[in-house]
Amino acid sequence: SGEQEYATRGVAYCPHCDGPLFKGKKVAVIGGGNSGVEAAID
């Protein structure tokens, strides 16, 4: 619930593209595979 409603309004799928928009804020990464951990590091 809420994922579709807030897509592009906080729910994102590309950390390279959208990461800078969250500068200085708190975020979560869903997923503990290589993609998720790499995203969290970046």
PDB file of all heavy atoms in Angstrom:
ATOM      1  N   SER A   1       0.824  -1.200   0.000  1.00  0.00           N
ATOM      2  CA  SER A   1       0.000   0.000   0.000  1.00  0.00           C
ATOM      3  C   SER A   1       0.865   1.261   0.000  1.00  0.00           C
ATOM      4  O   SER A   1       1.830   1.350   0.763  1.00  0.00           O
ATOM      5  CB  SER A   1      -0.907  -0.011   1.240  1.00  0.00           C
ATOM      6  OG  SER A   1      -1.620   1.196   1.362  1.00  0.00           O
ATOM      7  N   GLY A   2       0.534   2.205  -0.861  1.00  0.00           N
ATOM      8  CA  GLY A   2       1.245   3.485  -0.902  1.00  0.00           C
ATOM      9  C   GLY A   2       2.377   3.539  -1.903  1.00  0.00           C
ATOM     10  O   GLY A   2       2.825   4.628  -2.269  1.00  0.00           O
ATOM     11  N   GLU A   3       2.869   2.369  -2.369  1.00  0.00           N
ATOM     12  CA  GLU A   3       4.005   2.368  -3.290  1.00  0.00           C
ATOM     13  C   GLU A   3       3.655   3.057  -4.596  1.00  0.00           C
ATOM     14  O   GLU A   3       4.394   3.933  -5.067  1.00  0.00           O
ATOM     15  CB  GLU A   3       4.476   0.944  -3.565  1.00  0.00           C
ATOM     16  CG  GLU A   3       5.663   0.887  -4.534  1.00  0.00           C
ATOM     17  CD  GLU A   3       6.114  -0.530  -4.827  1.00  0.00           C
ATOM     18  OE1 GLU A   3       5.335  -1.475  -4.586  1.00  0.00           O
ATOM     19  OE2 GLU A   3       7.257  -0.701  -5.293  1.00  0.00           O
ATOM     20  N   GLN A   4       2.547   2.673  -5.214  1.00  0.00           N
ATOM     21  CA  GLN A   4       2.144   3.256  -6.491  1.00  0.00           C
ATOM     22  C   GLN A   4       1.786   4.731  -6.327  1.00  0.00           C
ATOM     23  O   GLN A   4       2.125   5.565  -7.161  1.00  0.00           O
ATOM     24  CB  GLN A   4       0.954   2.479  -7.072  1.00  0.00           C
ATOM     25  CG  GLN A   4       0.627   2.834  -8.513  1.00  0.00           C
ATOM     26  CD  GLN A   4       1.758   2.487  -9.474  1.00  0.00           C
ATOM     27  OE1 GLN A   4       2.426   1.464  -9.303  1.00  0.00           O
ATOM     28  NE2 GLN A   4       1.995   3.333 -10.456  1.00  0.00           N
ATOM     29  N   GLU A   5       1.086   5.035  -5.225  1.00  0.00           N
ATOM     30  CA  GLU A   5       0.644   6.414  -4.979  1.00  0.00           C
ATOM     31  C   GLU A   5       1.820   7.380  -4.870  1.00  0.00           C
ATOM     32  O   GLU A   5       1.754   8.520  -5.343  1.00  0.00           O
ATOM     33  CB  GLU A   5      -0.193   6.465  -3.698  1.00  0.00           C
ATOM     34  CG  GLU A   5      -0.710   7.851  -3.338  1.00  0.00           C
ATOM     35  CD  GLU A   5      -1.448   7.877  -2.014  1.00  0.00           C
ATOM     36  OE1 GLU A   5      -1.664   6.796  -1.423  1.00  0.00           O
ATOM     37  OE2 GLU A   5      -1.790   8.986  -1.558  1.00  0.00           O
ATOM     38  N   TYR A   6       2.919   6.915  -4.244  1.00  0.00           N
ATOM     39  CA  TYR A   6       4.049   7.812  -4.010  1.00  0.00           C
ATOM     40  C   TYR A   6       5.246   7.541  -4.930  1.00  0.00           C
ATOM     41  O   TYR A   6       6.355   8.012  -4.670  1.00  0.00           O
ATOM     42  CB  TYR A   6       4.470   7.734  -2.539  1.00  0.00           C
ATOM     43  CG  TYR A   6       3.447   8.367  -1.628  1.00  0.00           C
ATOM     44  CD1 TYR A   6       2.550   7.585  -0.901  1.00  0.00           C
ATOM     45  CD2 TYR A   6       3.340   9.748  -1.535  1.00  0.00           C
ATOM     46  CE1 TYR A   6       1.592   8.161  -0.078  1.00  0.00           C
ATOM     47  CE2 TYR A   6       2.386  10.341  -0.722  1.00  0.00           C
ATOM     48  CZ  TYR A   6       1.513   9.548  -0.001  1.00  0.00           C
ATOM     49  OH  TYR A   6       0.572  10.139   0.794  1.00  0.00           O
ATOM     50  N   ALA A   7       5.008   6.792  -6.015  1.00  0.00           N
ATOM     51  CA  ALA A   7       6.059   6.621  -7.029  1.00  0.00           C
ATOM     52  C   ALA A   7       6.415   7.994  -7.589  1.00  0.00           C
ATOM     53  O   ALA A   7       5.525   8.777  -7.941  1.00  0.00           O
ATOM     54  CB  ALA A   7       5.573   5.698  -8.134  1.00  0.00           C
ATOM     55  N   THR A   8       7.707   8.291  -7.660  1.00  0.00           N
ATOM     56  CA  THR A   8       8.277   9.592  -8.073  1.00  0.00           C
ATOM     57  C   THR A   8       8.037  10.686  -7.041  1.00  0.00           C
ATOM     58  O   THR A   8       8.448  11.825  -7.244  1.00  0.00           O
ATOM     59  CB  THR A   8       7.752  10.100  -9.448  1.00  0.00           C
ATOM     60  OG1 THR A   8       6.404  10.573  -9.308  1.00  0.00           O
ATOM     61  CG2 THR A   8       7.822   9.009 -10.500  1.00  0.00           C
ATOM     62  N   ARG A   9       7.409  10.371  -5.911  1.00  0.00           N
ATOM     63  CA  ARG A   9       7.205  11.340  -4.828  1.00  0.00           C
ATOM     64  C   ARG A   9       7.812  10.800  -3.536  1.00  0.00           C
ATOM     65  O   ARG A   9       7.285  11.007  -2.449  1.00  0.00           O
ATOM     66  CB  ARG A   9       5.713  11.645  -4.638  1.00  0.00           C
ATOM     67  CG  ARG A   9       5.100  12.352  -5.839  1.00  0.00           C
ATOM     68  CD  ARG A   9       3.725  12.884  -5.521  1.00  0.00           C
ATOM     69  NE  ARG A   9       2.765  11.797  -5.308  1.00  0.00           N
ATOM     70  CZ  ARG A   9       1.583  11.955  -4.705  1.00  0.00           C
ATOM     71  NH1 ARG A   9       1.247  13.146  -4.229  1.00  0.00           N
ATOM     72  NH2 ARG A   9       0.762  10.933  -4.570  1.00  0.00           N
ATOM     73  N   GLY A  10       8.937  10.117  -3.699  1.00  0.00           N
ATOM     74  CA  GLY A  10       9.638   9.539  -2.558  1.00  0.00           C
ATOM     75  C   GLY A  10       9.987   8.091  -2.779  1.00  0.00           C
ATOM     76  O   GLY A  10      10.990   7.593  -2.269  1.00  0.00           O
ATOM     77  N   VAL A  11       9.156   7.360  -3.553  1.00  0.00           N
ATOM     78  CA  VAL A  11       9.478   5.982  -3.925  1.00  0.00           C
ATOM     79  C   VAL A  11      10.234   6.029  -5.249  1.00  0.00           C
ATOM     80  O   VAL A  11       9.725   6.564  -6.240  1.00  0.00           O
ATOM     81  CB  VAL A  11       8.206   5.122  -4.070  1.00  0.00           C
ATOM     82  CG1 VAL A  11       8.584   3.715  -4.542  1.00  0.00           C
ATOM     83  CG2 VAL A  11       7.464   5.035  -2.753  1.00  0.00           C
ATOM     84  N   ALA A  12      11.448   5.488  -5.258  1.00  0.00           N
ATOM     85  CA  ALA A  12      12.311   5.568  -6.436  1.00  0.00           C
ATOM     86  C   ALA A  12      12.939   4.212  -6.727  1.00  0.00           C
ATOM     87  O   ALA A  12      12.969   3.331  -5.859  1.00  0.00           O
ATOM     88  CB  ALA A  12      13.394   6.622  -6.214  1.00  0.00           C
ATOM     89  N   TYR A  13      13.440   4.058  -7.952  1.00  0.00           N
ATOM     90  CA  TYR A  13      14.028   2.784  -8.370  1.00  0.00           C
ATOM     91  C   TYR A  13      15.439   2.971  -8.933  1.00  0.00           C
ATOM     92  O   TYR A  13      16.090   1.989  -9.272  1.00  0.00           O
ATOM     93  CB  TYR A  13      13.125   2.105  -9.412  1.00  0.00           C
ATOM     94  CG  TYR A  13      11.736   1.823  -8.874  1.00  0.00           C
ATOM     95  CD1 TYR A  13      10.733   2.782  -8.972  1.00  0.00           C
ATOM     96  CD2 TYR A  13      11.449   0.636  -8.225  1.00  0.00           C
ATOM     97  CE1 TYR A  13       9.466   2.547  -8.449  1.00  0.00           C
ATOM     98  CE2 TYR A  13      10.189   0.383  -7.695  1.00  0.00           C
ATOM     99  CZ  TYR A  13       9.196   1.353  -7.809  1.00  0.00           C
ATOM    100  OH  TYR A  13       7.956   1.127  -7.280  1.00  0.00           O
ATOM    101  N   CYS A  14      15.891   4.206  -9.052  1.00  0.00           N
ATOM    102  CA  CYS A  14      17.226   4.475  -9.596  1.00  0.00           C
ATOM    103  C   CYS A  14      18.003   5.381  -8.643  1.00  0.00           C
ATOM    104  O   CYS A  14      17.832   6.608  -8.648  1.00  0.00           O
ATOM    105  CB  CYS A  14      17.118   5.136 -10.975  1.00  0.00           C
ATOM    106  SG  CYS A  14      18.737   5.483 -11.709  1.00  0.00           S
ATOM    107  N   PRO A  15      18.865   4.814  -7.789  1.00  0.00           N
ATOM    108  CA  PRO A  15      19.627   5.638  -6.838  1.00  0.00           C
ATOM    109  C   PRO A  15      20.590   6.604  -7.504  1.00  0.00           C
ATOM    110  O   PRO A  15      20.835   7.690  -6.980  1.00  0.00           O
ATOM    111  CB  PRO A  15      20.372   4.600  -5.991  1.00  0.00           C
ATOM    112  CG  PRO A  15      20.376   3.344  -6.808  1.00  0.00           C
ATOM    113  CD  PRO A  15      19.127   3.373  -7.619  1.00  0.00           C
ATOM    114  N   HIS A  16      21.139   6.236  -8.686  1.00  0.00           N
ATOM    115  CA  HIS A  16      22.059   7.141  -9.388  1.00  0.00           C
ATOM    116  C   HIS A  16      21.331   8.410  -9.816  1.00  0.00           C
ATOM    117  O   HIS A  16      21.850   9.514  -9.693  1.00  0.00           O
ATOM    118  CB  HIS A  16      22.646   6.443 -10.620  1.00  0.00           C
ATOM    119  CG  HIS A  16      23.566   5.317 -10.303  1.00  0.00           C
ATOM    120  ND1 HIS A  16      24.822   5.506  -9.767  1.00  0.00           N
ATOM    121  CD2 HIS A  16      23.403   3.974 -10.426  1.00  0.00           C
ATOM    122  CE1 HIS A  16      25.392   4.332  -9.594  1.00  0.00           C
ATOM    123  NE2 HIS A  16      24.560   3.389  -9.980  1.00  0.00           N
ATOM    124  N   CYS A  17      20.114   8.235 -10.331  1.00  0.00           N
ATOM    125  CA  CYS A  17      19.361   9.379 -10.854  1.00  0.00           C
ATOM    126  C   CYS A  17      18.794  10.241  -9.742  1.00  0.00           C
ATOM    127  O   CYS A  17      18.923  11.467  -9.750  1.00  0.00           O
ATOM    128  CB  CYS A  17      18.213   8.895 -11.739  1.00  0.00           C
ATOM    129  SG  CYS A  17      18.737   7.950 -13.175  1.00  0.00           S
ATOM    130  N   ASP A  18      18.103   9.603  -8.807  1.00  0.00           N
ATOM    131  CA  ASP A  18      17.287  10.345  -7.852  1.00  0.00           C
ATOM    132  C   ASP A  18      17.967  10.590  -6.501  1.00  0.00           C
ATOM    133  O   ASP A  18      17.472  11.384  -5.691  1.00  0.00           O
ATOM    134  CB  ASP A  18      15.964   9.603  -7.632  1.00  0.00           C
ATOM    135  CG  ASP A  18      15.201   9.423  -8.941  1.00  0.00           C
ATOM    136  OD1 ASP A  18      15.382  10.265  -9.843  1.00  0.00           O
ATOM    137  OD2 ASP A  18      14.441   8.453  -9.065  1.00  0.00           O
ATOM    138  N   GLY A  19      19.089   9.910  -6.251  1.00  0.00           N
ATOM    139  CA  GLY A  19      19.785  10.064  -4.977  1.00  0.00           C
ATOM    140  C   GLY A  19      20.086  11.507  -4.588  1.00  0.00           C
ATOM    141  O   GLY A  19      19.816  11.926  -3.445  1.00  0.00           O
ATOM    142  N   PRO A  20      20.628  12.342  -5.508  1.00  0.00           N
ATOM    143  CA  PRO A  20      20.973  13.726  -5.142  1.00  0.00           C
ATOM    144  C   PRO A  20      19.787  14.561  -4.666  1.00  0.00           C
ATOM    145  O   PRO A  20      19.979  15.563  -3.964  1.00  0.00           O
ATOM    146  CB  PRO A  20      21.544  14.290  -6.453  1.00  0.00           C
ATOM    147  CG  PRO A  20      22.085  13.103  -7.166  1.00  0.00           C
ATOM    148  CD  PRO A  20      21.124  12.002  -6.856  1.00  0.00           C
ATOM    149  N   LEU A  21      18.575  14.176  -5.021  1.00  0.00           N
ATOM    150  CA  LEU A  21      17.397  14.931  -4.594  1.00  0.00           C
ATOM    151  C   LEU A  21      17.109  14.729  -3.103  1.00  0.00           C
ATOM    152  O   LEU A  21      16.315  15.458  -2.522  1.00  0.00           O
ATOM    153  CB  LEU A  21      16.172  14.518  -5.412  1.00  0.00           C
ATOM    154  CG  LEU A  21      16.278  14.719  -6.930  1.00  0.00           C
ATOM    155  CD1 LEU A  21      15.046  14.174  -7.619  1.00  0.00           C
ATOM    156  CD2 LEU A  21      16.464  16.186  -7.268  1.00  0.00           C
ATOM    157  N   PHE A  22      17.761  13.736  -2.490  1.00  0.00           N
ATOM    158  CA  PHE A  22      17.519  13.429  -1.084  1.00  0.00           C
ATOM    159  C   PHE A  22      18.720  13.809  -0.214  1.00  0.00           C
ATOM    160  O   PHE A  22      18.924  13.255   0.867  1.00  0.00           O
ATOM    161  CB  PHE A  22      17.189  11.944  -0.921  1.00  0.00           C
ATOM    162  CG  PHE A  22      15.903  11.541  -1.593  1.00  0.00           C
ATOM    163  CD1 PHE A  22      15.890  11.199  -2.940  1.00  0.00           C
ATOM    164  CD2 PHE A  22      14.713  11.531  -0.895  1.00  0.00           C
ATOM    165  CE1 PHE A  22      14.711  10.837  -3.572  1.00  0.00           C
ATOM    166  CE2 PHE A  22      13.524  11.178  -1.514  1.00  0.00           C
ATOM    167  CZ  PHE A  22      13.518  10.841  -2.855  1.00  0.00           C
ATOM    168  N   LYS A  23      19.497  14.751  -0.691  1.00  0.00           N
ATOM    169  CA  LYS A  23      20.685  15.214   0.029  1.00  0.00           C
ATOM    170  C   LYS A  23      20.315  15.667   1.442  1.00  0.00           C
ATOM    171  O   LYS A  23      19.398  16.463   1.631  1.00  0.00           O
ATOM    172  CB  LYS A  23      21.337  16.368  -0.735  1.00  0.00           C
ATOM    173  CG  LYS A  23      22.634  16.869  -0.126  1.00  0.00           C
ATOM    174  CD  LYS A  23      23.223  17.983  -0.977  1.00  0.00           C
ATOM    175  CE  LYS A  23      24.529  18.498  -0.377  1.00  0.00           C
ATOM    176  NZ  LYS A  23      25.106  19.582  -1.202  1.00  0.00           N
ATOM    177  N   GLY A  24      21.024  15.106   2.438  1.00  0.00           N
ATOM    178  CA  GLY A  24      20.799  15.502   3.820  1.00  0.00           C
ATOM    179  C   GLY A  24      19.531  14.951   4.439  1.00  0.00           C
ATOM    180  O   GLY A  24      19.158  15.338   5.552  1.00  0.00           O
ATOM    181  N   LYS A  25      18.855  14.012   3.758  1.00  0.00           N
ATOM    182  CA  LYS A  25      17.610  13.458   4.287  1.00  0.00           C
ATOM    183  C   LYS A  25      17.795  11.989   4.672  1.00  0.00           C
ATOM    184  O   LYS A  25      18.849  11.398   4.439  1.00  0.00           O
ATOM    185  CB  LYS A  25      16.502  13.586   3.236  1.00  0.00           C
ATOM    186  CG  LYS A  25      16.186  15.031   2.877  1.00  0.00           C
ATOM    187  CD  LYS A  25      15.100  15.114   1.820  1.00  0.00           C
ATOM    188  CE  LYS A  25      14.791  16.566   1.467  1.00  0.00           C
ATOM    189  NZ  LYS A  25      13.746  16.698   0.429  1.00  0.00           N
ATOM    190  N   LYS A  26      16.759  11.408   5.254  1.00  0.00           N
ATOM    191  CA  LYS A  26      16.794  10.007   5.646  1.00  0.00           C
ATOM    192  C   LYS A  26      16.074   9.173   4.595  1.00  0.00           C
ATOM    193  O   LYS A  26      14.980   9.526   4.160  1.00  0.00           O
ATOM    194  CB  LYS A  26      16.131   9.815   7.009  1.00  0.00           C
ATOM    195  CG  LYS A  26      16.870  10.514   8.147  1.00  0.00           C
ATOM    196  CD  LYS A  26      16.159  10.314   9.473  1.00  0.00           C
ATOM    197  CE  LYS A  26      16.913  11.012  10.598  1.00  0.00           C
ATOM    198  NZ  LYS A  26      16.211  10.859  11.902  1.00  0.00           N
ATOM    199  N   VAL A  27      16.704   8.061   4.178  1.00  0.00           N
ATOM    200  CA  VAL A  27      16.115   7.198   3.158  1.00  0.00           C
ATOM    201  C   VAL A  27      16.281   5.737   3.559  1.00  0.00           C
ATOM    202  O   VAL A  27      17.077   5.404   4.444  1.00  0.00           O
ATOM    203  CB  VAL A  27      16.754   7.419   1.767  1.00  0.00           C
ATOM    204  CG1 VAL A  27      16.632   8.877   1.344  1.00  0.00           C
ATOM    205  CG2 VAL A  27      18.211   6.970   1.751  1.00  0.00           C
ATOM    206  N   ALA A  28      15.522   4.866   2.879  1.00  0.00           N
ATOM    207  CA  ALA A  28      15.669   3.421   3.039  1.00  0.00           C
ATOM    208  C   ALA A  28      15.940   2.799   1.685  1.00  0.00           C
ATOM    209  O   ALA A  28      15.517   3.313   0.649  1.00  0.00           O
ATOM    210  CB  ALA A  28      14.412   2.823   3.655  1.00  0.00           C
ATOM    211  N   VAL A  29      16.644   1.675   1.685  1.00  0.00           N
ATOM    212  CA  VAL A  29      16.829   0.845   0.491  1.00  0.00           C
ATOM    213  C   VAL A  29      16.195  -0.499   0.791  1.00  0.00           C
ATOM    214  O   VAL A  29      16.465  -1.105   1.835  1.00  0.00           O
ATOM    215  CB  VAL A  29      18.321   0.665   0.149  1.00  0.00           C
ATOM    216  CG1 VAL A  29      18.482  -0.342  -0.976  1.00  0.00           C
ATOM    217  CG2 VAL A  29      18.950   1.992  -0.243  1.00  0.00           C
ATOM    218  N   ILE A  30      15.328  -0.967  -0.104  1.00  0.00           N
ATOM    219  CA  ILE A  30      14.674  -2.257   0.078  1.00  0.00           C
ATOM    220  C   ILE A  30      15.421  -3.291  -0.769  1.00  0.00           C
ATOM    221  O   ILE A  30      15.498  -3.179  -1.980  1.00  0.00           O
ATOM    222  CB  ILE A  30      13.196  -2.218  -0.368  1.00  0.00           C
ATOM    223  CG1 ILE A  30      12.480  -1.006   0.247  1.00  0.00           C
ATOM    224  CG2 ILE A  30      12.497  -3.516   0.000  1.00  0.00           C
ATOM    225  CD1 ILE A  30      12.446  -1.005   1.755  1.00  0.00           C
ATOM    226  N   GLY A  31      15.994  -4.298  -0.116  1.00  0.00           N
ATOM    227  CA  GLY A  31      16.695  -5.349  -0.846  1.00  0.00           C
ATOM    228  C   GLY A  31      18.139  -5.494  -0.419  1.00  0.00           C
ATOM    229  O   GLY A  31      18.886  -4.506  -0.405  1.00  0.00           O
ATOM    230  N   GLY A  32      18.546  -6.737  -0.105  1.00  0.00           N
ATOM    231  CA  GLY A  32      19.904  -6.975   0.387  1.00  0.00           C
ATOM    232  C   GLY A  32      20.807  -7.713  -0.570  1.00  0.00           C
ATOM    233  O   GLY A  32      21.817  -8.280  -0.160  1.00  0.00           O
ATOM    234  N   GLY A  33      20.451  -7.693  -1.870  1.00  0.00           N
ATOM    235  CA  GLY A  33      21.347  -8.255  -2.878  1.00  0.00           C
ATOM    236  C   GLY A  33      22.404  -7.240  -3.259  1.00  0.00           C
ATOM    237  O   GLY A  33      22.532  -6.184  -2.636  1.00  0.00           O
ATOM    238  N   ASN A  34      23.183  -7.557  -4.307  1.00  0.00           N
ATOM    239  CA  ASN A  34      24.237  -6.639  -4.739  1.00  0.00           C
ATOM    240  C   ASN A  34      23.698  -5.257  -5.088  1.00  0.00           C
ATOM    241  O   ASN A  34      24.281  -4.238  -4.717  1.00  0.00           O
ATOM    242  CB  ASN A  34      24.977  -7.220  -5.945  1.00  0.00           C
ATOM    243  CG  ASN A  34      25.976  -8.298  -5.547  1.00  0.00           C
ATOM    244  OD1 ASN A  34      26.240  -8.499  -4.368  1.00  0.00           O
ATOM    245  ND2 ASN A  34      26.513  -8.989  -6.521  1.00  0.00           N
ATOM    246  N   SER A  35      22.564  -5.222  -5.803  1.00  0.00           N
ATOM    247  CA  SER A  35      22.004  -3.936  -6.221  1.00  0.00           C
ATOM    248  C   SER A  35      21.609  -3.091  -5.015  1.00  0.00           C
ATOM    249  O   SER A  35      21.886  -1.888  -4.965  1.00  0.00           O
ATOM    250  CB  SER A  35      20.778  -4.150  -7.114  1.00  0.00           C
ATOM    251  OG  SER A  35      21.132  -4.793  -8.308  1.00  0.00           O
ATOM    252  N   GLY A  36      20.964  -3.732  -4.024  1.00  0.00           N
ATOM    253  CA  GLY A  36      20.525  -3.001  -2.844  1.00  0.00           C
ATOM    254  C   GLY A  36      21.681  -2.472  -2.018  1.00  0.00           C
ATOM    255  O   GLY A  36      21.678  -1.318  -1.579  1.00  0.00           O
ATOM    256  N   VAL A  37      22.685  -3.311  -1.794  1.00  0.00           N
ATOM    257  CA  VAL A  37      23.830  -2.894  -0.978  1.00  0.00           C
ATOM    258  C   VAL A  37      24.645  -1.823  -1.703  1.00  0.00           C
ATOM    259  O   VAL A  37      25.097  -0.848  -1.085  1.00  0.00           O
ATOM    260  CB  VAL A  37      24.704  -4.111  -0.610  1.00  0.00           C
ATOM    261  CG1 VAL A  37      25.978  -3.669   0.104  1.00  0.00           C
ATOM    262  CG2 VAL A  37      23.914  -5.075   0.278  1.00  0.00           C
ATOM    263  N   GLU A  38      24.836  -1.980  -3.009  1.00  0.00           N
ATOM    264  CA  GLU A  38      25.543  -0.946  -3.780  1.00  0.00           C
ATOM    265  C   GLU A  38      24.793   0.381  -3.712  1.00  0.00           C
ATOM    266  O   GLU A  38      25.405   1.451  -3.573  1.00  0.00           O
ATOM    267  CB  GLU A  38      25.708  -1.388  -5.231  1.00  0.00           C
ATOM    268  CG  GLU A  38      26.760  -2.465  -5.429  1.00  0.00           C
ATOM    269  CD  GLU A  38      26.796  -2.991  -6.857  1.00  0.00           C
ATOM    270  OE1 GLU A  38      25.880  -2.643  -7.639  1.00  0.00           O
ATOM    271  OE2 GLU A  38      27.726  -3.739  -7.188  1.00  0.00           O
ATOM    272  N   ALA A  39      23.472   0.332  -3.802  1.00  0.00           N
ATOM    273  CA  ALA A  39      22.663   1.550  -3.717  1.00  0.00           C
ATOM    274  C   ALA A  39      22.821   2.208  -2.356  1.00  0.00           C
ATOM    275  O   ALA A  39      22.971   3.433  -2.254  1.00  0.00           O
ATOM    276  CB  ALA A  39      21.189   1.220  -3.978  1.00  0.00           C
ATOM    277  N   ALA A  40      22.799   1.409  -1.290  1.00  0.00           N
ATOM    278  CA  ALA A  40      22.940   1.946   0.067  1.00  0.00           C
ATOM    279  C   ALA A  40      24.306   2.606   0.256  1.00  0.00           C
ATOM    280  O   ALA A  40      24.417   3.674   0.874  1.00  0.00           O
ATOM    281  CB  ALA A  40      22.733   0.832   1.091  1.00  0.00           C
ATOM    282  N   ILE A  41      25.354   1.971  -0.291  1.00  0.00           N
ATOM    283  CA  ILE A  41      26.708   2.541  -0.186  1.00  0.00           C
ATOM    284  C   ILE A  41      26.777   3.891  -0.900  1.00  0.00           C
ATOM    285  O   ILE A  41      27.303   4.869  -0.382  1.00  0.00           O
ATOM    286  CB  ILE A  41      27.746   1.559  -0.769  1.00  0.00           C
ATOM    287  CG1 ILE A  41      27.853   0.315   0.122  1.00  0.00           C
ATOM    288  CG2 ILE A  41      29.105   2.227  -0.921  1.00  0.00           C
ATOM    289  CD1 ILE A  41      28.656  -0.828  -0.499  1.00  0.00           C
ATOM    290  N   ASP A  42      26.245   3.937  -2.132  1.00  0.00           N
ATOM    291  CA  ASP A  42      26.263   5.180  -2.897  1.00  0.00           C
ATOM    292  C   ASP A  42      25.463   6.281  -2.197  1.00  0.00           C
ATOM    293  O   ASP A  42      25.899   7.432  -2.099  1.00  0.00           O
ATOM    294  CB  ASP A  42      25.685   4.957  -4.298  1.00  0.00           C
ATOM    295  CG  ASP A  42      26.603   4.106  -5.168  1.00  0.00           C
ATOM    296  OD1 ASP A  42      27.781   3.963  -4.796  1.00  0.00           O
ATOM    297  OD2 ASP A  42      26.136   3.596  -6.198  1.00  0.00           O
TER     298      ASP A  42
END
